[in-house]
Amino acid sequence: MDVLFVHVPKFKNYYRPIGEYIWINYMPMGLLALADLLDREGYDTEIIHLSVEWMEDRSFSLIDYIAKKAPKVVALPLHWHHQAYEVMEYSRRIKDTFPEVFLLLGGLTASFFYREIMRDFPWVDAIIRGEGEVPLLQLADAIMIRGDLAKVPNVLWRKGEVVIENPLDYVASQEILDGLCFTNFSLLKNHQTYINWILLPFYVKGVSKEKNRLFYSLKTPLFHLPVGRGCPVNCTWCAGGMAAQRLITGRQTVIFRDIEKVMVSIREALDWGYETMHVAFDPYPHSPDYYLKLFARIREERVKVEFFFESFGLPSEKFIDAFAQTFGSRSLLALSPESGSEEVRRRNKGYSYTNQELWECLEYTGKKGVNVDLFFSLGLPYEREEDLEETSRLIARIRRQFSHVQGIRTFTIEMEPGAPWHLKPEKFGVRTKLLTFSDFYNYHKVEEEGFGAFGYHIPGFFPDLGEDTGGEFQRRLQRIKCRRFCFIHPNARKSSSPFWGRMLCRTSVMIRKLAQWWTGRKRSEIDFFLP
């Protein structure tokens, strides 16, 4: 084998209602395209997903697999910061066992901390910064035919004891993006397991695949549809906004894929067994012409597909009309007001709106029969404890008024490397100890509780607390989330009110403990009767 990609999830996580789970199961959406590009250029390439392999064979050994396949290059995406510890540990083991392997990292987190990683983790041979299509292909050419790595854009690499930093010169054009294939699942080992059972970013360890689908998924295989790249705005907590992309990838502009190329991806994803397209790319919510044309093409070709679309602002009536005409009842439009306070929302979101505008949008989607999911956040910059009252009241009003709003979910947010508030925490009134890669690496070394980790606190959020209140800030905000914003529902497509969410949480914990006790009892009885 020439190149082996290894997706490493975060294995050690705990959340009280469900117990232990695996986090970061979605692969970066460009990973299949990178593997396919190498494959088309004649390189023997494969992707291994360690969570999928764990689901299929608990005794699977990545080291044994590498020994069997003998790849020249092992590439590990370090995209989400939650992967920091486990990606680095797996990469260390690989290099210790196979010193001849060229060990490569990429992804947003690796791209942001590229210098520190190369300085402090000497087993890493190279990092591709930013967008990686042409750099990866040129790097593979240089390694396989002993070419010159100095000519490969976006690459940081070792020449003996010296680290060489090549210029960040490559950013994908629309032409390059249109030439990529994002659906070659034949390159992913056990791809059918990934398609059928990786239904959310997390997978609960203690129950079967079937129960994961039944209780913890939208009950539909969800394909993350690549539509474009870039963002024209900056949300305070987001590491994918305009400023972060310029810093991390060098991208200055927003680009869309050709609509016919997107249609090819949709048809191919459906052929592989996907049912729903997830779109999280809406850079111009007030100018929906691109999506109006895409939806028209879907109707023209009579493609039977569902959409889960995340709107970055409020969608226009034209967009809602087209969405209603194109998709069935299982499709969802996701809106993220973030806060019930208009002032907090205005100071944090790139595309803000008033509560009245949100209300009018919900009235219109209801009239058109478009189902909606709403997402709120706790712990935003400039937010204070009293602002949570406004969020709670707005959610209660929406629950009473709009039956087509299937889910209302409230999450705590976390510190993301490269986000505006990470780069300048003092500007946004936050404090964080997660400044370097080593900070994130050590932070994720331990078992993570809940979905995500705060990594910051906001002095003054709770008036009765002092300034240096990181641990207590997180504990208190989590208690508020559980008491007033719990949304757990036995059907993951829906959400409960806080009271019934808490009741379900307590019931699920009790059932899990009883199951563990009964399993242990049966094992002890079996042991007793064994000769």
Protein backbone atom coordinates (compact mmCIF):
# COMPACT_ATOMS: atom_id res chain seq x y z
CA MET A 1 0.00 0.00 0.00
CA ASP A 2 1.12 3.55 -0.73
CA VAL A 3 -1.05 5.71 1.55
CA LEU A 4 -3.19 4.67 4.51
CA PHE A 5 -5.51 7.28 6.05
CA VAL A 6 -6.54 6.64 9.66
CA HIS A 7 -9.55 8.40 11.21
CA VAL A 8 -9.10 8.41 14.98
CA PRO A 9 -12.21 9.26 17.07
CA LYS A 10 -12.18 10.19 20.74
CA PHE A 11 -12.84 6.89 22.49
CA LYS A 12 -13.03 7.95 26.15
CA ASN A 13 -16.20 9.94 26.87
CA TYR A 14 -18.98 9.73 29.43
CA TYR A 15 -22.45 11.26 29.57
CA ARG A 16 -24.70 10.35 32.49
CA PRO A 17 -27.89 9.35 30.62
CA ILE A 18 -26.13 7.02 28.18
CA GLY A 19 -22.85 6.02 29.84
CA GLU A 20 -19.68 5.65 27.78
CA TYR A 21 -19.66 6.70 24.15
CA ILE A 22 -17.32 7.28 21.22
CA TRP A 23 -17.12 10.87 20.00
CA ILE A 24 -16.04 12.45 16.68
CA ASN A 25 -17.27 9.62 14.47
CA TYR A 26 -17.89 11.71 11.36
CA MET A 27 -14.87 11.81 9.09
CA PRO A 28 -13.87 15.20 7.67
CA MET A 29 -16.00 15.56 4.56
CA GLY A 30 -12.97 16.02 2.30
CA LEU A 31 -11.21 12.82 3.38
CA LEU A 32 -12.82 10.57 0.77
CA ALA A 33 -12.00 13.15 -1.91
CA LEU A 34 -8.31 13.13 -0.92
CA ALA A 35 -8.17 9.34 -1.00
CA ASP A 36 -9.98 9.24 -4.34
CA LEU A 37 -7.60 11.80 -5.84
CA LEU A 38 -4.60 9.64 -4.94
CA ASP A 39 -6.39 6.53 -6.17
CA ARG A 40 -7.09 8.10 -9.56
CA GLU A 41 -3.43 9.02 -9.85
CA GLY A 42 -2.47 5.37 -9.43
CA TYR A 43 -1.61 5.22 -5.72
CA ASP A 44 -2.81 2.25 -3.67
CA THR A 45 -4.89 4.00 -1.01
CA GLU A 46 -7.26 3.08 1.81
CA ILE A 47 -9.06 4.71 4.75
CA ILE A 48 -9.37 3.04 8.15
CA HIS A 49 -11.98 4.34 10.60
CA LEU A 50 -11.05 3.10 14.08
CA SER A 51 -14.57 3.41 15.50
CA VAL A 52 -15.94 1.35 12.63
CA GLU A 53 -13.24 -1.26 13.21
CA TRP A 54 -14.08 -1.30 16.94
CA MET A 55 -17.72 -1.92 16.06
CA GLU A 56 -16.81 -4.77 13.73
CA ASP A 57 -14.00 -6.42 15.68
CA ARG A 58 -13.07 -5.46 19.25
CA SER A 59 -9.72 -7.22 18.81
CA PHE A 60 -8.73 -5.12 15.77
CA SER A 61 -5.14 -3.85 15.98
CA LEU A 62 -4.08 -0.90 13.86
CA ILE A 63 -0.43 -1.85 14.39
CA ASP A 64 -1.05 -5.37 13.07
CA TYR A 65 -2.96 -3.97 10.11
CA ILE A 66 -0.14 -1.60 9.21
CA ALA A 67 2.35 -4.47 9.50
CA LYS A 68 0.21 -6.44 7.06
CA LYS A 69 -0.34 -3.64 4.53
CA ALA A 70 3.09 -1.95 4.84
CA PRO A 71 2.03 1.54 3.70
CA LYS A 72 4.73 4.04 2.81
CA VAL A 73 2.66 6.95 4.17
CA VAL A 74 0.23 6.96 7.11
CA ALA A 75 -1.92 10.09 7.21
CA LEU A 76 -4.01 11.00 10.26
CA PRO A 77 -6.58 13.81 10.05
CA LEU A 78 -6.38 16.02 13.14
CA HIS A 79 -9.41 18.10 12.32
CA TRP A 80 -11.34 18.46 15.60
CA HIS A 81 -9.44 19.39 18.74
CA HIS A 82 -11.12 16.56 20.69
CA GLN A 83 -8.90 14.16 18.73
CA ALA A 84 -5.70 15.85 19.88
CA TYR A 85 -4.56 13.35 22.49
CA GLU A 86 -5.57 10.15 20.72
CA VAL A 87 -4.30 11.18 17.29
CA MET A 88 -0.92 12.00 18.76
CA GLU A 89 -0.78 8.78 20.77
CA TYR A 90 -1.70 6.62 17.78
CA SER A 91 0.81 8.46 15.61
CA ARG A 92 3.53 7.92 18.22
CA ARG A 93 2.84 4.18 18.40
CA ILE A 94 2.87 3.93 14.62
CA LYS A 95 6.22 5.72 14.33
CA ASP A 96 7.77 3.77 17.21
CA THR A 97 6.81 0.48 15.55
CA PHE A 98 7.42 1.51 11.94
CA PRO A 99 10.13 4.20 11.87
CA GLU A 100 10.35 3.89 8.09
CA VAL A 101 6.73 5.05 7.62
CA PHE A 102 6.24 8.68 6.58
CA LEU A 103 3.82 10.04 9.16
CA LEU A 104 1.59 12.90 8.00
CA LEU A 105 -1.02 15.07 9.75
CA GLY A 106 -3.64 17.43 8.34
CA GLY A 107 -6.94 19.07 9.26
CA LEU A 108 -7.90 22.36 10.88
CA THR A 109 -6.48 21.72 14.36
CA ALA A 110 -3.17 20.45 12.96
CA SER A 111 -3.13 23.44 10.59
CA PHE A 112 -3.66 25.94 13.38
CA PHE A 113 -0.99 24.47 15.70
CA TYR A 114 1.37 23.29 12.95
CA ARG A 115 4.57 24.85 14.31
CA GLU A 116 4.03 23.70 17.89
CA ILE A 117 3.20 20.14 16.82
CA MET A 118 6.32 19.87 14.67
CA ARG A 119 8.43 21.30 17.50
CA ASP A 120 7.08 19.15 20.35
CA PHE A 121 6.14 15.87 18.63
CA PRO A 122 9.24 14.75 16.75
CA TRP A 123 7.69 11.60 15.33
CA VAL A 124 5.51 13.66 12.98
CA ASP A 125 7.27 13.88 9.61
CA ALA A 126 5.06 16.51 8.00
CA ILE A 127 1.86 18.53 8.29
CA ILE A 128 -0.24 19.76 5.38
CA ARG A 129 -1.71 23.11 6.37
CA GLY A 130 -5.11 24.25 5.20
CA GLU A 131 -6.66 22.74 2.09
CA GLY A 132 -4.77 19.69 0.99
CA GLU A 133 -5.69 18.33 -2.43
CA VAL A 134 -2.78 19.47 -4.60
CA PRO A 135 -0.28 19.48 -1.69
CA LEU A 136 -1.13 15.86 -0.82
CA LEU A 137 -0.76 14.68 -4.40
CA GLN A 138 2.56 16.49 -4.83
CA LEU A 139 3.78 15.20 -1.47
CA ALA A 140 2.94 11.63 -2.48
CA ASP A 141 4.79 12.13 -5.77
CA ALA A 142 7.83 13.49 -3.93
CA ILE A 143 7.94 10.60 -1.45
CA MET A 144 7.32 7.80 -3.95
CA ILE A 145 9.77 9.03 -6.58
CA ARG A 146 12.17 10.81 -4.19
CA GLY A 147 11.23 14.26 -5.41
CA ASP A 148 11.74 17.60 -3.70
CA LEU A 149 9.43 18.31 -0.76
CA ALA A 150 10.59 21.93 -0.81
CA LYS A 151 8.38 22.52 -3.85
CA VAL A 152 5.17 21.25 -2.23
CA PRO A 153 2.87 24.10 -1.10
CA ASN A 154 1.31 24.25 2.39
CA VAL A 155 3.70 21.62 3.83
CA LEU A 156 5.77 21.78 7.01
CA TRP A 157 8.36 18.97 6.95
CA ARG A 158 11.58 17.72 8.49
CA LYS A 159 14.92 17.74 6.77
CA GLY A 160 17.09 15.96 9.29
CA GLU A 161 16.87 17.98 12.49
CA VAL A 162 15.57 21.08 10.71
CA VAL A 163 11.86 21.86 10.18
CA ILE A 164 11.18 23.47 6.80
CA GLU A 165 8.07 25.62 6.39
CA ASN A 166 6.86 25.85 2.80
CA PRO A 167 4.60 28.80 1.83
CA LEU A 168 0.84 28.58 2.32
CA ASP A 169 0.24 29.04 -1.40
CA TYR A 170 -2.52 26.59 -2.25
CA VAL A 171 -6.25 27.22 -1.83
CA ALA A 172 -8.68 25.14 -3.88
CA SER A 173 -10.44 26.88 -6.76
CA GLN A 174 -13.95 25.99 -7.89
CA GLU A 175 -12.41 24.13 -10.83
CA ILE A 176 -10.41 21.92 -8.48
CA LEU A 177 -13.39 21.42 -6.17
CA ASP A 178 -15.57 20.41 -9.12
CA GLY A 179 -12.99 17.81 -10.13
CA LEU A 180 -13.15 15.97 -6.79
CA CYS A 181 -15.19 12.89 -5.94
CA PHE A 182 -16.55 12.91 -2.37
CA THR A 183 -18.36 9.57 -2.60
CA ASN A 184 -15.81 6.84 -3.36
CA PHE A 185 -16.72 4.73 -0.33
CA SER A 186 -14.96 1.71 -1.84
CA LEU A 187 -11.75 3.21 -0.42
CA LEU A 188 -13.08 3.03 3.17
CA LYS A 189 -12.62 -0.31 4.93
CA ASN A 190 -15.98 -1.62 6.16
CA HIS A 191 -17.69 1.29 4.46
CA GLN A 192 -21.16 -0.25 4.77
CA THR A 193 -20.85 -0.17 8.54
CA TYR A 194 -19.93 3.51 8.35
CA ILE A 195 -22.91 4.26 6.11
CA ASN A 196 -25.45 2.18 8.05
CA TRP A 197 -24.39 2.78 11.65
CA ILE A 198 -22.44 6.03 11.96
CA LEU A 199 -25.66 7.96 12.30
CA LEU A 200 -24.53 10.72 14.68
CA PRO A 201 -21.15 12.12 15.78
CA PHE A 202 -21.36 9.81 18.82
CA TYR A 203 -21.87 6.06 19.28
CA VAL A 204 -22.93 4.60 22.63
CA LYS A 205 -20.63 1.76 23.66
CA GLY A 206 -22.93 -0.18 25.96
CA VAL A 207 -25.74 -0.97 23.49
CA SER A 208 -26.06 -2.66 20.12
CA LYS A 209 -25.98 -1.03 16.71
CA GLU A 210 -29.74 -1.45 16.48
CA LYS A 211 -30.34 0.33 19.78
CA ASN A 212 -27.98 3.12 18.77
CA ARG A 213 -30.14 3.62 15.69
CA LEU A 214 -33.38 3.36 17.68
CA PHE A 215 -32.56 5.71 20.55
CA TYR A 216 -29.64 7.90 19.48
CA SER A 217 -30.06 8.74 15.82
CA LEU A 218 -32.30 10.47 13.30
CA LYS A 219 -32.98 6.95 11.99
CA THR A 220 -31.67 7.78 8.56
CA PRO A 221 -28.18 7.45 7.03
CA LEU A 222 -26.95 11.05 6.83
CA PHE A 223 -24.50 12.11 4.11
CA HIS A 224 -22.61 15.37 4.68
CA LEU A 225 -22.99 16.96 1.29
CA PRO A 226 -20.03 19.11 0.15
CA VAL A 227 -21.47 22.25 -1.45
CA GLY A 228 -18.69 24.81 -1.12
CA ARG A 229 -16.03 26.37 1.06
CA GLY A 230 -15.55 29.64 2.88
CA CYS A 231 -17.59 31.98 5.07
CA PRO A 232 -18.18 35.75 4.77
CA VAL A 233 -18.90 36.41 8.48
CA ASN A 234 -17.39 35.82 11.91
CA CYS A 235 -19.39 34.30 14.75
CA THR A 236 -17.53 34.83 18.01
CA TRP A 237 -17.13 31.16 19.00
CA CYS A 238 -16.72 29.59 15.53
CA ALA A 239 -13.39 28.48 14.08
CA GLY A 240 -14.84 28.20 10.57
CA GLY A 241 -15.58 31.88 10.02
CA MET A 242 -13.97 34.30 7.60
CA ALA A 243 -11.06 35.40 9.79
CA ALA A 244 -10.24 31.87 10.94
CA GLN A 245 -10.26 30.52 7.39
CA ARG A 246 -7.95 33.29 6.21
CA LEU A 247 -5.56 32.56 9.06
CA ILE A 248 -5.65 28.74 8.94
CA THR A 249 -6.15 27.95 5.25
CA GLY A 250 -5.45 31.20 3.43
CA ARG A 251 -8.96 31.19 1.95
CA GLN A 252 -10.15 34.69 1.09
CA THR A 253 -13.38 34.00 -0.78
CA VAL A 254 -16.47 31.79 -0.71
CA ILE A 255 -16.80 29.27 -3.53
CA PHE A 256 -19.68 26.97 -4.51
CA ARG A 257 -19.39 23.69 -6.37
CA ASP A 258 -21.10 23.51 -9.73
CA ILE A 259 -24.73 22.47 -9.21
CA GLU A 260 -24.42 19.54 -11.61
CA LYS A 261 -21.41 18.25 -9.63
CA VAL A 262 -23.45 18.47 -6.43
CA MET A 263 -26.24 16.54 -8.15
CA VAL A 264 -23.72 13.81 -9.01
CA SER A 265 -22.70 13.61 -5.33
CA ILE A 266 -26.35 13.34 -4.26
CA ARG A 267 -27.11 10.53 -6.72
CA GLU A 268 -23.93 8.63 -5.82
CA ALA A 269 -24.57 8.99 -2.08
CA LEU A 270 -28.09 7.61 -2.59
CA ASP A 271 -26.64 4.70 -4.57
CA TRP A 272 -24.36 3.89 -1.60
CA GLY A 273 -27.37 3.70 0.71
CA TYR A 274 -27.70 7.21 2.12
CA GLU A 275 -31.18 8.68 2.45
CA THR A 276 -30.67 12.21 3.80
CA MET A 277 -28.31 14.97 2.71
CA HIS A 278 -26.92 17.16 5.50
CA VAL A 279 -25.96 20.67 4.36
CA ALA A 280 -24.09 22.93 6.78
CA PHE A 281 -23.02 25.52 4.22
CA ASP A 282 -25.19 28.62 3.94
CA PRO A 283 -22.86 31.60 3.50
CA TYR A 284 -25.53 33.89 2.01
CA PRO A 285 -28.87 33.10 3.69
CA HIS A 286 -30.43 36.29 2.32
CA SER A 287 -29.42 35.44 -1.27
CA PRO A 288 -30.65 31.86 -1.83
CA ASP A 289 -30.34 31.76 -5.64
CA TYR A 290 -27.83 28.89 -5.61
CA TYR A 291 -30.09 26.66 -3.52
CA LEU A 292 -33.20 27.66 -5.47
CA LYS A 293 -31.45 26.35 -8.61
CA LEU A 294 -30.22 23.20 -6.82
CA PHE A 295 -33.69 22.40 -5.47
CA ALA A 296 -35.17 23.01 -8.93
CA ARG A 297 -32.73 20.47 -10.41
CA ILE A 298 -33.67 17.93 -7.74
CA ARG A 299 -37.34 18.37 -8.68
CA GLU A 300 -36.61 18.23 -12.41
CA GLU A 301 -34.78 14.92 -12.04
CA ARG A 302 -37.38 13.58 -9.58
CA VAL A 303 -34.64 12.60 -7.13
CA LYS A 304 -36.19 11.14 -3.97
CA VAL A 305 -34.03 12.52 -1.19
CA GLU A 306 -34.46 14.20 2.18
CA PHE A 307 -32.53 17.27 3.33
CA PHE A 308 -31.33 18.40 6.75
CA PHE A 309 -30.35 22.01 6.07
CA GLU A 310 -28.64 24.29 8.58
CA SER A 311 -29.46 27.93 7.86
CA PHE A 312 -26.78 30.39 9.01
CA GLY A 313 -29.37 33.14 9.33
CA LEU A 314 -33.11 33.20 8.69
CA PRO A 315 -34.12 31.70 5.34
CA SER A 316 -36.12 33.82 2.93
CA GLU A 317 -39.71 32.99 2.00
CA LYS A 318 -38.49 32.00 -1.49
CA PHE A 319 -36.10 29.48 0.07
CA ILE A 320 -38.82 28.06 2.34
CA ASP A 321 -41.21 27.77 -0.61
CA ALA A 322 -38.63 25.86 -2.67
CA PHE A 323 -37.70 23.65 0.30
CA ALA A 324 -41.37 22.74 0.82
CA GLN A 325 -41.86 21.96 -2.87
CA THR A 326 -38.76 19.77 -3.09
CA PHE A 327 -38.56 17.61 0.03
CA GLY A 328 -40.77 15.30 2.07
CA SER A 329 -41.94 15.29 5.64
CA ARG A 330 -38.70 13.84 7.04
CA SER A 331 -36.70 16.86 5.90
CA LEU A 332 -35.68 19.46 8.44
CA LEU A 333 -34.66 23.10 8.41
CA ALA A 334 -32.32 23.89 11.31
CA LEU A 335 -32.19 27.40 12.77
CA SER A 336 -29.81 28.55 15.49
CA PRO A 337 -31.06 31.59 17.43
CA GLU A 338 -28.42 30.71 20.07
CA SER A 339 -29.95 33.01 22.69
CA GLY A 340 -33.35 34.39 23.62
CA SER A 341 -31.65 37.76 24.15
CA GLU A 342 -31.56 39.79 20.96
CA GLU A 343 -28.56 41.74 22.25
CA VAL A 344 -26.54 38.59 22.98
CA ARG A 345 -27.49 37.21 19.57
CA ARG A 346 -26.52 40.43 17.80
CA ARG A 347 -23.10 40.55 19.44
CA ASN A 348 -22.25 36.92 18.64
CA LYS A 349 -23.83 35.82 15.36
CA GLY A 350 -22.63 36.78 11.91
CA TYR A 351 -26.24 36.80 10.68
CA SER A 352 -28.42 38.07 13.50
CA TYR A 353 -32.16 38.72 13.66
CA THR A 354 -34.83 39.82 16.11
CA ASN A 355 -37.17 37.53 18.01
CA GLN A 356 -40.05 38.97 15.98
CA GLU A 357 -38.28 38.02 12.74
CA LEU A 358 -37.69 34.52 14.12
CA TRP A 359 -41.36 34.30 15.07
CA GLU A 360 -42.49 35.33 11.59
CA CYS A 361 -40.15 32.77 10.04
CA LEU A 362 -41.58 30.01 12.24
CA GLU A 363 -45.11 31.05 11.32
CA TYR A 364 -44.24 30.87 7.63
CA THR A 365 -42.48 27.50 7.84
CA GLY A 366 -45.49 26.14 9.73
CA LYS A 367 -47.86 27.42 7.04
CA LYS A 368 -45.71 25.75 4.37
CA GLY A 369 -45.43 22.43 6.26
CA VAL A 370 -41.65 22.64 6.73
CA ASN A 371 -40.42 20.95 9.91
CA VAL A 372 -37.88 22.91 11.96
CA ASP A 373 -35.20 22.15 14.53
CA LEU A 374 -34.00 24.97 16.78
CA PHE A 375 -30.61 25.18 18.49
CA PHE A 376 -29.74 27.39 21.44
CA SER A 377 -26.50 27.82 23.37
CA LEU A 378 -25.42 28.56 26.93
CA GLY A 379 -22.23 30.38 27.88
CA LEU A 380 -21.88 32.79 24.96
CA PRO A 381 -19.61 35.83 25.10
CA TYR A 382 -21.37 38.88 26.59
CA GLU A 383 -24.07 36.61 28.07
CA ARG A 384 -25.03 36.75 31.74
CA GLU A 385 -27.11 34.53 33.97
CA GLU A 386 -30.21 36.74 33.61
CA ASP A 387 -30.08 36.31 29.81
CA LEU A 388 -30.87 32.62 30.30
CA GLU A 389 -34.32 33.69 31.53
CA GLU A 390 -35.02 35.20 28.12
CA THR A 391 -33.82 32.04 26.40
CA SER A 392 -36.04 29.89 28.62
CA ARG A 393 -39.10 32.08 28.04
CA LEU A 394 -38.60 32.13 24.26
CA ILE A 395 -38.25 28.34 24.13
CA ALA A 396 -41.42 27.89 26.22
CA ARG A 397 -43.39 30.22 23.91
CA ILE A 398 -42.17 28.38 20.81
CA ARG A 399 -43.11 24.99 22.30
CA ARG A 400 -46.63 26.21 22.98
CA GLN A 401 -47.14 27.84 19.61
CA PHE A 402 -45.43 25.74 16.93
CA SER A 403 -46.08 22.01 16.66
CA HIS A 404 -43.93 21.77 13.51
CA VAL A 405 -40.84 22.63 15.55
CA GLN A 406 -39.78 19.04 16.17
CA GLY A 407 -36.73 19.62 18.30
CA ILE A 408 -35.46 22.43 20.51
CA ARG A 409 -31.97 21.66 21.76
CA THR A 410 -29.77 23.74 24.02
CA PHE A 411 -26.04 23.04 24.25
CA THR A 412 -23.14 24.50 26.11
CA ILE A 413 -20.41 25.68 23.75
CA GLU A 414 -16.68 25.13 23.90
CA MET A 415 -13.42 26.81 23.08
CA GLU A 416 -12.34 26.18 19.48
CA PRO A 417 -8.75 26.86 18.33
CA GLY A 418 -8.70 29.74 15.87
CA ALA A 419 -12.13 31.13 16.75
CA PRO A 420 -12.28 34.90 17.39
CA TRP A 421 -12.72 34.46 21.13
CA HIS A 422 -9.83 31.99 21.24
CA LEU A 423 -7.51 34.40 19.46
CA LYS A 424 -8.51 37.40 21.61
CA PRO A 425 -10.30 36.14 24.72
CA GLU A 426 -9.95 39.45 26.56
CA LYS A 427 -11.83 41.25 23.76
CA PHE A 428 -14.83 39.00 24.30
CA GLY A 429 -14.73 38.98 28.09
CA VAL A 430 -13.72 35.32 28.46
CA ARG A 431 -10.80 33.55 30.06
CA THR A 432 -9.30 30.31 28.84
CA LYS A 433 -6.36 28.09 29.66
CA LEU A 434 -6.59 26.38 26.25
CA LEU A 435 -4.11 28.48 24.34
CA THR A 436 -1.55 26.01 22.97
CA PHE A 437 -1.79 22.60 21.36
CA SER A 438 -0.36 21.04 24.50
CA ASP A 439 -3.21 22.63 26.45
CA PHE A 440 -5.77 20.87 24.24
CA TYR A 441 -3.72 17.66 24.20
CA ASN A 442 -3.67 17.46 28.00
CA TYR A 443 -7.27 18.62 28.30
CA HIS A 444 -8.49 15.70 26.19
CA LYS A 445 -6.20 13.16 27.80
CA VAL A 446 -8.85 12.39 30.42
CA GLU A 447 -12.32 10.96 29.92
CA GLU A 448 -14.60 13.73 28.75
CA GLU A 449 -17.91 14.29 30.50
CA GLY A 450 -20.82 15.43 28.41
CA PHE A 451 -20.71 16.35 24.75
CA GLY A 452 -17.79 18.71 24.41
CA ALA A 453 -15.69 20.51 26.98
CA PHE A 454 -15.97 24.18 27.90
CA GLY A 455 -12.32 25.14 28.14
CA TYR A 456 -13.17 28.68 29.27
CA HIS A 457 -15.13 30.71 31.78
CA ILE A 458 -16.79 34.11 31.74
CA PRO A 459 -16.03 36.33 34.74
CA GLY A 460 -19.21 38.05 35.91
CA PHE A 461 -21.56 35.54 34.25
CA PHE A 462 -22.76 34.57 37.72
CA PRO A 463 -22.79 37.74 39.88
CA ASP A 464 -22.11 35.87 43.15
CA LEU A 465 -18.93 34.19 41.87
CA GLY A 466 -15.50 35.73 41.87
CA GLU A 467 -13.29 36.31 38.85
CA ASP A 468 -11.32 33.04 38.72
CA THR A 469 -14.24 30.60 38.64
CA GLY A 470 -13.48 28.21 35.77
CA GLY A 471 -14.51 24.96 37.43
CA GLU A 472 -17.51 26.37 39.26
CA PHE A 473 -18.65 28.24 36.12
CA GLN A 474 -18.76 24.97 34.19
CA ARG A 475 -20.47 23.01 36.98
CA ARG A 476 -23.12 25.65 37.53
CA LEU A 477 -23.86 26.10 33.83
CA GLN A 478 -24.17 22.34 33.42
CA ARG A 479 -26.63 22.20 36.33
CA ILE A 480 -28.70 24.96 34.74
CA LYS A 481 -28.64 23.10 31.43
CA CYS A 482 -29.91 19.91 33.10
CA ARG A 483 -32.50 21.63 35.25
CA ARG A 484 -33.96 24.15 32.80
CA PHE A 485 -32.91 23.14 29.29
CA CYS A 486 -32.78 19.33 29.24
CA PHE A 487 -34.18 18.11 25.92
CA ILE A 488 -33.63 14.31 26.01
CA HIS A 489 -36.41 12.42 24.21
CA PRO A 490 -36.77 8.68 23.42
CA ASN A 491 -37.10 9.69 19.77
CA ALA A 492 -33.93 11.56 18.76
CA ARG A 493 -35.87 13.41 16.07
CA LYS A 494 -37.81 15.17 18.80
CA SER A 495 -37.02 16.90 22.07
CA SER A 496 -38.68 16.89 25.46
CA SER A 497 -39.55 19.74 27.78
CA PRO A 498 -37.01 20.12 30.62
CA PHE A 499 -39.18 18.24 33.13
CA TRP A 500 -39.78 15.18 30.94
CA GLY A 501 -36.20 15.31 29.71
CA ARG A 502 -34.96 15.04 33.30
CA MET A 503 -37.39 12.20 34.01
CA LEU A 504 -36.16 10.29 30.97
CA CYS A 505 -32.55 10.97 31.97
CA ARG A 506 -33.11 9.56 35.46
CA THR A 507 -35.03 6.57 34.13
CA SER A 508 -32.36 5.76 31.56
CA VAL A 509 -29.65 5.95 34.24
CA MET A 510 -31.63 3.61 36.50
CA ILE A 511 -32.25 1.12 33.68
CA ARG A 512 -28.58 1.18 32.72
CA LYS A 513 -27.49 0.52 36.32
CA LEU A 514 -30.00 -2.32 36.68
CA ALA A 515 -28.75 -3.83 33.42
CA GLN A 516 -25.16 -3.60 34.63
CA TRP A 517 -26.13 -5.15 37.98
CA TRP A 518 -28.06 -7.98 36.30
CA THR A 519 -25.24 -8.67 33.86
CA GLY A 520 -22.78 -8.80 36.72
CA ARG A 521 -25.10 -11.08 38.72
CA LYS A 522 -25.52 -13.50 35.83
CA ARG A 523 -21.79 -13.60 35.30
CA SER A 524 -21.16 -14.34 38.98
CA GLU A 525 -23.76 -17.13 38.92
CA ILE A 526 -22.17 -18.62 35.81
CA ASP A 527 -18.75 -18.39 37.45
CA PHE A 528 -20.14 -20.14 40.53
CA PHE A 529 -21.34 -23.13 38.53
CA LEU A 530 -18.24 -23.47 36.40
CA PRO A 531 -16.05 -26.43 37.38
